[in-house]
PDB file of N, CA and C in Angstrom:
ATOM      1  N   MET A   1     267.350 -13.089 -57.638  1.00  0.00           N
ATOM      2  CA  MET A   1     265.707 -12.959 -57.104  1.00  0.00           C
ATOM      3  C   MET A   1     266.452 -13.991 -55.793  1.00  0.00           C
ATOM      4  N   THR A   2     266.058 -13.584 -55.059  1.00  0.00           N
ATOM      5  CA  THR A   2     265.895 -14.413 -53.778  1.00  0.00           C
ATOM      6  C   THR A   2     264.660 -15.182 -53.603  1.00  0.00           C
ATOM      7  N   LYS A   3     265.145 -16.978 -53.143  1.00  0.00           N
ATOM      8  CA  LYS A   3     264.247 -17.029 -53.378  1.00  0.00           C
ATOM      9  C   LYS A   3     263.363 -17.259 -51.817  1.00  0.00           C
ATOM     10  N   LYS A   4     262.121 -17.564 -51.677  1.00  0.00           N
ATOM     11  CA  LYS A   4     261.446 -16.909 -50.785  1.00  0.00           C
ATOM     12  C   LYS A   4     261.293 -18.731 -49.828  1.00  0.00           C
ATOM     13  N   SER A   5     261.680 -18.612 -48.219  1.00  0.00           N
ATOM     14  CA  SER A   5     261.321 -19.248 -47.482  1.00  0.00           C
ATOM     15  C   SER A   5     260.224 -19.974 -47.087  1.00  0.00           C
ATOM     16  N   PRO A   6     259.766 -21.960 -47.075  1.00  0.00           N
ATOM     17  CA  PRO A   6     258.563 -22.163 -47.067  1.00  0.00           C
ATOM     18  C   PRO A   6     258.030 -21.807 -46.276  1.00  0.00           C
ATOM     19  N   ASP A   7     258.450 -21.377 -44.776  1.00  0.00           N
ATOM     20  CA  ASP A   7     257.591 -19.920 -43.455  1.00  0.00           C
ATOM     21  C   ASP A   7     257.326 -19.482 -44.498  1.00  0.00           C
ATOM     22  N   THR A   8     257.350 -18.832 -45.288  1.00  0.00           N
ATOM     23  CA  THR A   8     256.742 -17.222 -45.450  1.00  0.00           C
ATOM     24  C   THR A   8     255.657 -16.979 -46.032  1.00  0.00           C
ATOM     25  N   VAL A   9     255.216 -15.896 -45.457  1.00  0.00           N
ATOM     26  CA  VAL A   9     253.965 -15.590 -44.918  1.00  0.00           C
ATOM     27  C   VAL A   9     252.878 -14.135 -46.030  1.00  0.00           C
ATOM     28  N   GLN A  10     252.036 -14.248 -46.439  1.00  0.00           N
ATOM     29  CA  GLN A  10     251.832 -13.430 -47.583  1.00  0.00           C
ATOM     30  C   GLN A  10     250.631 -12.866 -46.426  1.00  0.00           C
ATOM     31  N   VAL A  11     250.452 -11.216 -46.354  1.00  0.00           N
ATOM     32  CA  VAL A  11     249.890 -10.807 -45.143  1.00  0.00           C
ATOM     33  C   VAL A  11     249.127 -10.278 -45.898  1.00  0.00           C
ATOM     34  N   THR A  12     247.260 -10.636 -45.778  1.00  0.00           N
ATOM     35  CA  THR A  12     246.464 -10.101 -46.845  1.00  0.00           C
ATOM     36  C   THR A  12     245.447  -9.091 -45.687  1.00  0.00           C
ATOM     37  N   PRO A  13     244.408  -8.535 -46.476  1.00  0.00           N
ATOM     38  CA  PRO A  13     243.608  -8.379 -45.138  1.00  0.00           C
ATOM     39  C   PRO A  13     243.629  -8.777 -45.035  1.00  0.00           C
ATOM     40  N   GLU A  14     242.460 -10.679 -45.211  1.00  0.00           N
ATOM     41  CA  GLU A  14     242.419 -10.967 -43.402  1.00  0.00           C
ATOM     42  C   GLU A  14     243.187 -11.508 -43.015  1.00  0.00           C
ATOM     43  N   LEU A  15     243.727 -11.260 -43.486  1.00  0.00           N
ATOM     44  CA  LEU A  15     244.977 -11.696 -42.263  1.00  0.00           C
ATOM     45  C   LEU A  15     245.576 -10.639 -40.922  1.00  0.00           C
ATOM     46  N   LEU A  16     245.531  -8.914 -42.260  1.00  0.00           N
ATOM     47  CA  LEU A  16     245.700  -8.318 -40.893  1.00  0.00           C
ATOM     48  C   LEU A  16     244.207  -7.959 -40.580  1.00  0.00           C
ATOM     49  N   ALA A  17     243.456  -7.362 -40.807  1.00  0.00           N
ATOM     50  CA  ALA A  17     242.277  -7.449 -39.932  1.00  0.00           C
ATOM     51  C   ALA A  17     241.693  -8.677 -39.235  1.00  0.00           C
ATOM     52  N   GLU A  18     242.387  -9.867 -39.086  1.00  0.00           N
ATOM     53  CA  GLU A  18     243.064 -10.734 -37.635  1.00  0.00           C
ATOM     54  C   GLU A  18     243.754 -10.312 -36.876  1.00  0.00           C
ATOM     55  N   ALA A  19     245.389 -10.091 -37.255  1.00  0.00           N
ATOM     56  CA  ALA A  19     245.808  -9.784 -35.910  1.00  0.00           C
ATOM     57  C   ALA A  19     245.272  -8.620 -35.956  1.00  0.00           C
ATOM     58  N   VAL A  20     245.275  -7.451 -36.047  1.00  0.00           N
ATOM     59  CA  VAL A  20     244.222  -6.112 -34.723  1.00  0.00           C
ATOM     60  C   VAL A  20     243.254  -6.328 -34.102  1.00  0.00           C
ATOM     61  N   ALA A  21     242.896  -7.881 -34.752  1.00  0.00           N
ATOM     62  CA  ALA A  21     241.335  -7.511 -33.827  1.00  0.00           C
ATOM     63  C   ALA A  21     241.987  -8.413 -32.773  1.00  0.00           C
ATOM     64  N   TRP A  22     242.520  -9.737 -32.861  1.00  0.00           N
ATOM     65  CA  TRP A  22     243.713 -10.274 -31.213  1.00  0.00           C
ATOM     66  C   TRP A  22     244.284  -8.752 -30.793  1.00  0.00           C
ATOM     67  N   MET A  23     244.657  -8.206 -31.884  1.00  0.00           N
ATOM     68  CA  MET A  23     245.253  -7.105 -30.427  1.00  0.00           C
ATOM     69  C   MET A  23     244.501  -6.389 -29.084  1.00  0.00           C
ATOM     70  N   THR A  24     244.049  -6.492 -28.949  1.00  0.00           N
ATOM     71  CA  THR A  24     242.660  -6.041 -27.563  1.00  0.00           C
ATOM     72  C   THR A  24     243.649  -6.019 -26.754  1.00  0.00           C
ATOM     73  N   PRO A  25     243.385  -4.044 -25.617  1.00  0.00           N
ATOM     74  CA  PRO A  25     243.585  -3.877 -24.796  1.00  0.00           C
ATOM     75  C   PRO A  25     244.144  -5.172 -23.500  1.00  0.00           C
ATOM     76  N   GLU A  26     243.593  -6.126 -23.426  1.00  0.00           N
ATOM     77  CA  GLU A  26     244.366  -6.432 -22.976  1.00  0.00           C
ATOM     78  C   GLU A  26     245.571  -7.684 -23.152  1.00  0.00           C
ATOM     79  N   ARG A  27     245.511  -7.823 -23.729  1.00  0.00           N
ATOM     80  CA  ARG A  27     246.790  -8.966 -24.578  1.00  0.00           C
ATOM     81  C   ARG A  27     247.230  -8.138 -24.936  1.00  0.00           C
ATOM     82  N   LEU A  28     247.848  -6.436 -25.157  1.00  0.00           N
ATOM     83  CA  LEU A  28     248.750  -6.115 -24.763  1.00  0.00           C
ATOM     84  C   LEU A  28     249.445  -5.256 -23.401  1.00  0.00           C
ATOM     85  N   ALA A  29     248.382  -5.292 -22.328  1.00  0.00           N
ATOM     86  CA  ALA A  29     249.018  -5.404 -21.113  1.00  0.00           C
ATOM     87  C   ALA A  29     249.442  -5.935 -20.940  1.00  0.00           C
ATOM     88  N   ALA A  30     249.812  -7.472 -21.265  1.00  0.00           N
ATOM     89  CA  ALA A  30     250.583  -8.777 -20.869  1.00  0.00           C
ATOM     90  C   ALA A  30     251.467  -8.205 -21.302  1.00  0.00           C
ATOM     91  N   PHE A  31     251.639  -7.898 -22.743  1.00  0.00           N
ATOM     92  CA  PHE A  31     253.015  -7.907 -23.345  1.00  0.00           C
ATOM     93  C   PHE A  31     254.016  -7.325 -22.348  1.00  0.00           C
ATOM     94  N   ASP A  32     252.712  -5.387 -22.610  1.00  0.00           N
ATOM     95  CA  ASP A  32     253.360  -4.326 -21.813  1.00  0.00           C
ATOM     96  C   ASP A  32     254.243  -5.610 -19.608  1.00  0.00           C
ATOM     97  N   ALA A  33     253.494  -5.578 -19.530  1.00  0.00           N
ATOM     98  CA  ALA A  33     254.174  -6.346 -17.714  1.00  0.00           C
ATOM     99  C   ALA A  33     255.175  -7.283 -18.280  1.00  0.00           C
ATOM    100  N   MET A  34     254.899  -7.703 -19.286  1.00  0.00           N
ATOM    101  CA  MET A  34     256.157  -8.468 -19.463  1.00  0.00           C
ATOM    102  C   MET A  34     258.076  -7.792 -18.965  1.00  0.00           C
ATOM    103  N   THR A  35     258.632  -9.048 -18.596  1.00  0.00           N
ATOM    104  CA  THR A  35     260.157  -8.372 -18.191  1.00  0.00           C
ATOM    105  C   THR A  35     260.636  -8.572 -18.661  1.00  0.00           C
ATOM    106  N   ASP A  36     261.797  -8.085 -18.728  1.00  0.00           N
ATOM    107  CA  ASP A  36     263.502  -9.094 -19.398  1.00  0.00           C
ATOM    108  C   ASP A  36     263.319 -11.018 -19.765  1.00  0.00           C
ATOM    109  N   GLU A  37     263.266 -10.991 -18.463  1.00  0.00           N
ATOM    110  CA  GLU A  37     263.781 -12.032 -17.382  1.00  0.00           C
ATOM    111  C   GLU A  37     262.462 -12.707 -18.514  1.00  0.00           C
ATOM    112  N   ASP A  38     261.118 -12.356 -18.837  1.00  0.00           N
ATOM    113  CA  ASP A  38     260.614 -13.532 -19.428  1.00  0.00           C
ATOM    114  C   ASP A  38     260.112 -13.295 -20.750  1.00  0.00           C
ATOM    115  N   ILE A  39     261.359 -12.108 -21.686  1.00  0.00           N
ATOM    116  CA  ILE A  39     261.403 -12.125 -23.281  1.00  0.00           C
ATOM    117  C   ILE A  39     262.584 -13.134 -23.104  1.00  0.00           C
ATOM    118  N   ALA A  40     263.155 -13.032 -22.291  1.00  0.00           N
ATOM    119  CA  ALA A  40     264.346 -13.937 -22.034  1.00  0.00           C
ATOM    120  C   ALA A  40     264.328 -15.716 -22.258  1.00  0.00           C
ATOM    121  N   ALA A  41     262.937 -15.320 -21.364  1.00  0.00           N
ATOM    122  CA  ALA A  41     262.945 -16.929 -21.157  1.00  0.00           C
ATOM    123  C   ALA A  41     261.809 -18.124 -21.971  1.00  0.00           C
ATOM    124  N   GLN A  42     261.442 -16.757 -22.887  1.00  0.00           N
ATOM    125  CA  GLN A  42     260.224 -17.916 -23.415  1.00  0.00           C
ATOM    126  C   GLN A  42     261.694 -17.919 -25.352  1.00  0.00           C
ATOM    127  N   ILE A  43     261.763 -16.817 -25.455  1.00  0.00           N
ATOM    128  CA  ILE A  43     263.614 -16.531 -26.600  1.00  0.00           C
ATOM    129  C   ILE A  43     264.678 -17.876 -25.594  1.00  0.00           C
ATOM    130  N   ALA A  44     264.983 -18.328 -25.318  1.00  0.00           N
ATOM    131  CA  ALA A  44     265.530 -19.235 -24.333  1.00  0.00           C
ATOM    132  C   ALA A  44     264.693 -20.763 -24.585  1.00  0.00           C
ATOM    133  N   SER A  45     263.208 -21.053 -24.298  1.00  0.00           N
ATOM    134  CA  SER A  45     262.441 -21.878 -25.169  1.00  0.00           C
ATOM    135  C   SER A  45     262.433 -22.403 -27.126  1.00  0.00           C
ATOM    136  N   ASN A  46     261.902 -21.463 -27.337  1.00  0.00           N
ATOM    137  CA  ASN A  46     261.922 -21.671 -28.817  1.00  0.00           C
ATOM    138  C   ASN A  46     262.315 -21.287 -29.294  1.00  0.00           C
ATOM    139  N   PRO A  47     263.170 -22.750 -30.314  1.00  0.00           N
ATOM    140  CA  PRO A  47     264.893 -22.759 -31.333  1.00  0.00           C
ATOM    141  C   PRO A  47     264.212 -22.379 -32.384  1.00  0.00           C
ATOM    142  N   ASP A  48     262.842 -21.123 -33.200  1.00  0.00           N
ATOM    143  CA  ASP A  48     262.522 -20.890 -34.228  1.00  0.00           C
ATOM    144  C   ASP A  48     262.938 -19.539 -33.715  1.00  0.00           C
ATOM    145  N   ALA A  49     263.088 -18.553 -32.669  1.00  0.00           N
ATOM    146  CA  ALA A  49     262.493 -17.418 -32.342  1.00  0.00           C
ATOM    147  C   ALA A  49     264.167 -16.716 -32.400  1.00  0.00           C
ATOM    148  N   ALA A  50     264.218 -15.638 -33.126  1.00  0.00           N
ATOM    149  CA  ALA A  50     265.217 -15.226 -33.563  1.00  0.00           C
ATOM    150  C   ALA A  50     266.208 -14.776 -32.431  1.00  0.00           C
ATOM    151  N   PRO A  51     267.349 -14.548 -32.198  1.00  0.00           N
ATOM    152  CA  PRO A  51     268.321 -14.726 -31.264  1.00  0.00           C
ATOM    153  C   PRO A  51     267.671 -12.485 -30.166  1.00  0.00           C
ATOM    154  N   GLU A  52     267.777 -12.524 -29.401  1.00  0.00           N
ATOM    155  CA  GLU A  52     267.775 -11.429 -28.669  1.00  0.00           C
ATOM    156  C   GLU A  52     268.928 -10.252 -28.806  1.00  0.00           C
ATOM    157  N   LEU A  53     267.824  -9.245 -29.384  1.00  0.00           N
ATOM    158  CA  LEU A  53     269.289  -7.873 -29.828  1.00  0.00           C
ATOM    159  C   LEU A  53     269.860  -7.456 -28.578  1.00  0.00           C
ATOM    160  N   THR A  54     270.945  -7.411 -27.887  1.00  0.00           N
ATOM    161  CA  THR A  54     271.603  -6.705 -26.900  1.00  0.00           C
ATOM    162  C   THR A  54     272.245  -5.950 -26.914  1.00  0.00           C
ATOM    163  N   ASP A  55     272.441  -4.448 -26.421  1.00  0.00           N
ATOM    164  CA  ASP A  55     273.257  -4.360 -25.997  1.00  0.00           C
ATOM    165  C   ASP A  55     274.783  -4.205 -27.041  1.00  0.00           C
ATOM    166  N   GLU A  56     275.277  -5.215 -26.242  1.00  0.00           N
ATOM    167  CA  GLU A  56     276.569  -5.612 -27.284  1.00  0.00           C
ATOM    168  C   GLU A  56     276.090  -6.066 -29.128  1.00  0.00           C
ATOM    169  N   TRP A  57     275.239  -6.641 -29.706  1.00  0.00           N
ATOM    170  CA  TRP A  57     275.016  -6.558 -30.215  1.00  0.00           C
ATOM    171  C   TRP A  57     274.230  -5.634 -31.225  1.00  0.00           C
ATOM    172  N   PHE A  58     273.984  -3.923 -31.063  1.00  0.00           N
ATOM    173  CA  PHE A  58     273.982  -3.490 -32.480  1.00  0.00           C
ATOM    174  C   PHE A  58     274.815  -2.706 -31.641  1.00  0.00           C
ATOM    175  N   GLU A  59     276.235  -2.960 -30.644  1.00  0.00           N
ATOM    176  CA  GLU A  59     277.237  -2.589 -30.679  1.00  0.00           C
ATOM    177  C   GLU A  59     278.117  -2.766 -31.713  1.00  0.00           C
ATOM    178  N   ASN A  60     278.588  -4.155 -31.658  1.00  0.00           N
ATOM    179  CA  ASN A  60     278.374  -4.979 -32.992  1.00  0.00           C
ATOM    180  C   ASN A  60     278.452  -5.043 -34.897  1.00  0.00           C
ATOM    181  N   ALA A  61     277.098  -4.335 -34.464  1.00  0.00           N
ATOM    182  CA  ALA A  61     276.477  -4.258 -36.454  1.00  0.00           C
ATOM    183  C   ALA A  61     276.540  -3.020 -37.044  1.00  0.00           C
ATOM    184  N   ARG A  62     276.693  -3.871 -37.731  1.00  0.00           N
ATOM    185  CA  ARG A  62     277.207  -2.648 -38.836  1.00  0.00           C
ATOM    186  C   ARG A  62     276.038  -2.556 -39.770  1.00  0.00           C
ATOM    187  N   LEU A  63     275.559  -1.163 -40.901  1.00  0.00           N
ATOM    188  CA  LEU A  63     274.521  -1.137 -41.948  1.00  0.00           C
ATOM    189  C   LEU A  63     275.372  -1.140 -42.788  1.00  0.00           C
ATOM    190  N   VAL A  64     274.819  -2.771 -43.663  1.00  0.00           N
ATOM    191  CA  VAL A  64     275.335  -2.414 -45.270  1.00  0.00           C
ATOM    192  C   VAL A  64     274.278  -2.274 -46.308  1.00  0.00           C
ATOM    193  N   ILE A  65     274.671  -1.175 -47.349  1.00  0.00           N
ATOM    194  CA  ILE A  65     273.290  -0.978 -48.126  1.00  0.00           C
ATOM    195  C   ILE A  65     274.467  -1.479 -49.261  1.00  0.00           C
ATOM    196  N   PRO A  66     273.296  -2.497 -50.230  1.00  0.00           N
ATOM    197  CA  PRO A  66     273.965  -2.802 -51.059  1.00  0.00           C
ATOM    198  C   PRO A  66     273.651  -2.150 -51.686  1.00  0.00           C
ATOM    199  N   LEU A  67     274.678  -1.768 -53.049  1.00  0.00           N
ATOM    200  CA  LEU A  67     274.648  -0.738 -54.139  1.00  0.00           C
ATOM    201  C   LEU A  67     274.174  -1.436 -55.067  1.00  0.00           C
ATOM    202  N   LYS A  68     272.591  -0.505 -56.228  1.00  0.00           N
ATOM    203  CA  LYS A  68     272.222  -1.336 -56.830  1.00  0.00           C
ATOM    204  C   LYS A  68     272.659  -1.473 -58.011  1.00  0.00           C
ATOM    205  N   GLY A  69     272.454  -2.486 -59.148  1.00  0.00           N
ATOM    206  CA  GLY A  69     272.368  -3.147 -61.034  1.00  0.00           C
ATOM    207  C   GLY A  69     273.910  -3.167 -59.782  1.00  0.00           C
ATOM    208  N   ARG A  70     274.997  -3.683 -58.986  1.00  0.00           N
ATOM    209  CA  ARG A  70     276.469  -4.609 -59.288  1.00  0.00           C
ATOM    210  C   ARG A  70     276.285  -5.673 -59.242  1.00  0.00           C
ATOM    211  N   ALA A  71     276.695  -6.341 -60.742  1.00  0.00           N
ATOM    212  CA  ALA A  71     277.118  -7.396 -60.767  1.00  0.00           C
ATOM    213  C   ALA A  71     276.524  -8.590 -59.431  1.00  0.00           C
ATOM    214  N   SER A  72     277.216  -8.160 -58.161  1.00  0.00           N
ATOM    215  CA  SER A  72     277.664  -9.257 -56.893  1.00  0.00           C
ATOM    216  C   SER A  72     276.360  -9.172 -56.820  1.00  0.00           C
ATOM    217  N   ASN A  73     275.560  -8.177 -56.696  1.00  0.00           N
ATOM    218  CA  ASN A  73     273.612  -8.415 -56.167  1.00  0.00           C
ATOM    219  C   ASN A  73     273.338  -8.925 -56.829  1.00  0.00           C
ATOM    220  N   ARG A  74     273.482  -9.139 -58.080  1.00  0.00           N
ATOM    221  CA  ARG A  74     272.183  -9.764 -59.391  1.00  0.00           C
ATOM    222  C   ARG A  74     272.217 -11.575 -58.622  1.00  0.00           C
ATOM    223  N   ALA A  75     270.836 -12.380 -59.054  1.00  0.00           N
ATOM    224  CA  ALA A  75     271.402 -13.441 -58.741  1.00  0.00           C
ATOM    225  C   ALA A  75     271.406 -14.152 -59.443  1.00  0.00           C
ATOM    226  N   ALA A  76     272.100 -15.319 -59.311  1.00  0.00           N
ATOM    227  CA  ALA A  76     273.121 -16.365 -60.865  1.00  0.00           C
ATOM    228  C   ALA A  76     272.337 -16.850 -61.505  1.00  0.00           C
TER     229      ALA A  76
END
């Protein structure tokens, strides 16, 4: 079994309710108004952000489906 990151957050019903309450039409409109440049700037300014998934990333991506029950997939 893979160890959880210390940053892992368990989503409880209460946490989900907070997230849903946060998503007001005004906040969602602000997200919708963001340009690609705005998004790229936010990603660049946040060292914890995942990299932007560009067309080039998708062109080079490959799907890997682990085989269930293989010894190489089991935790040591």
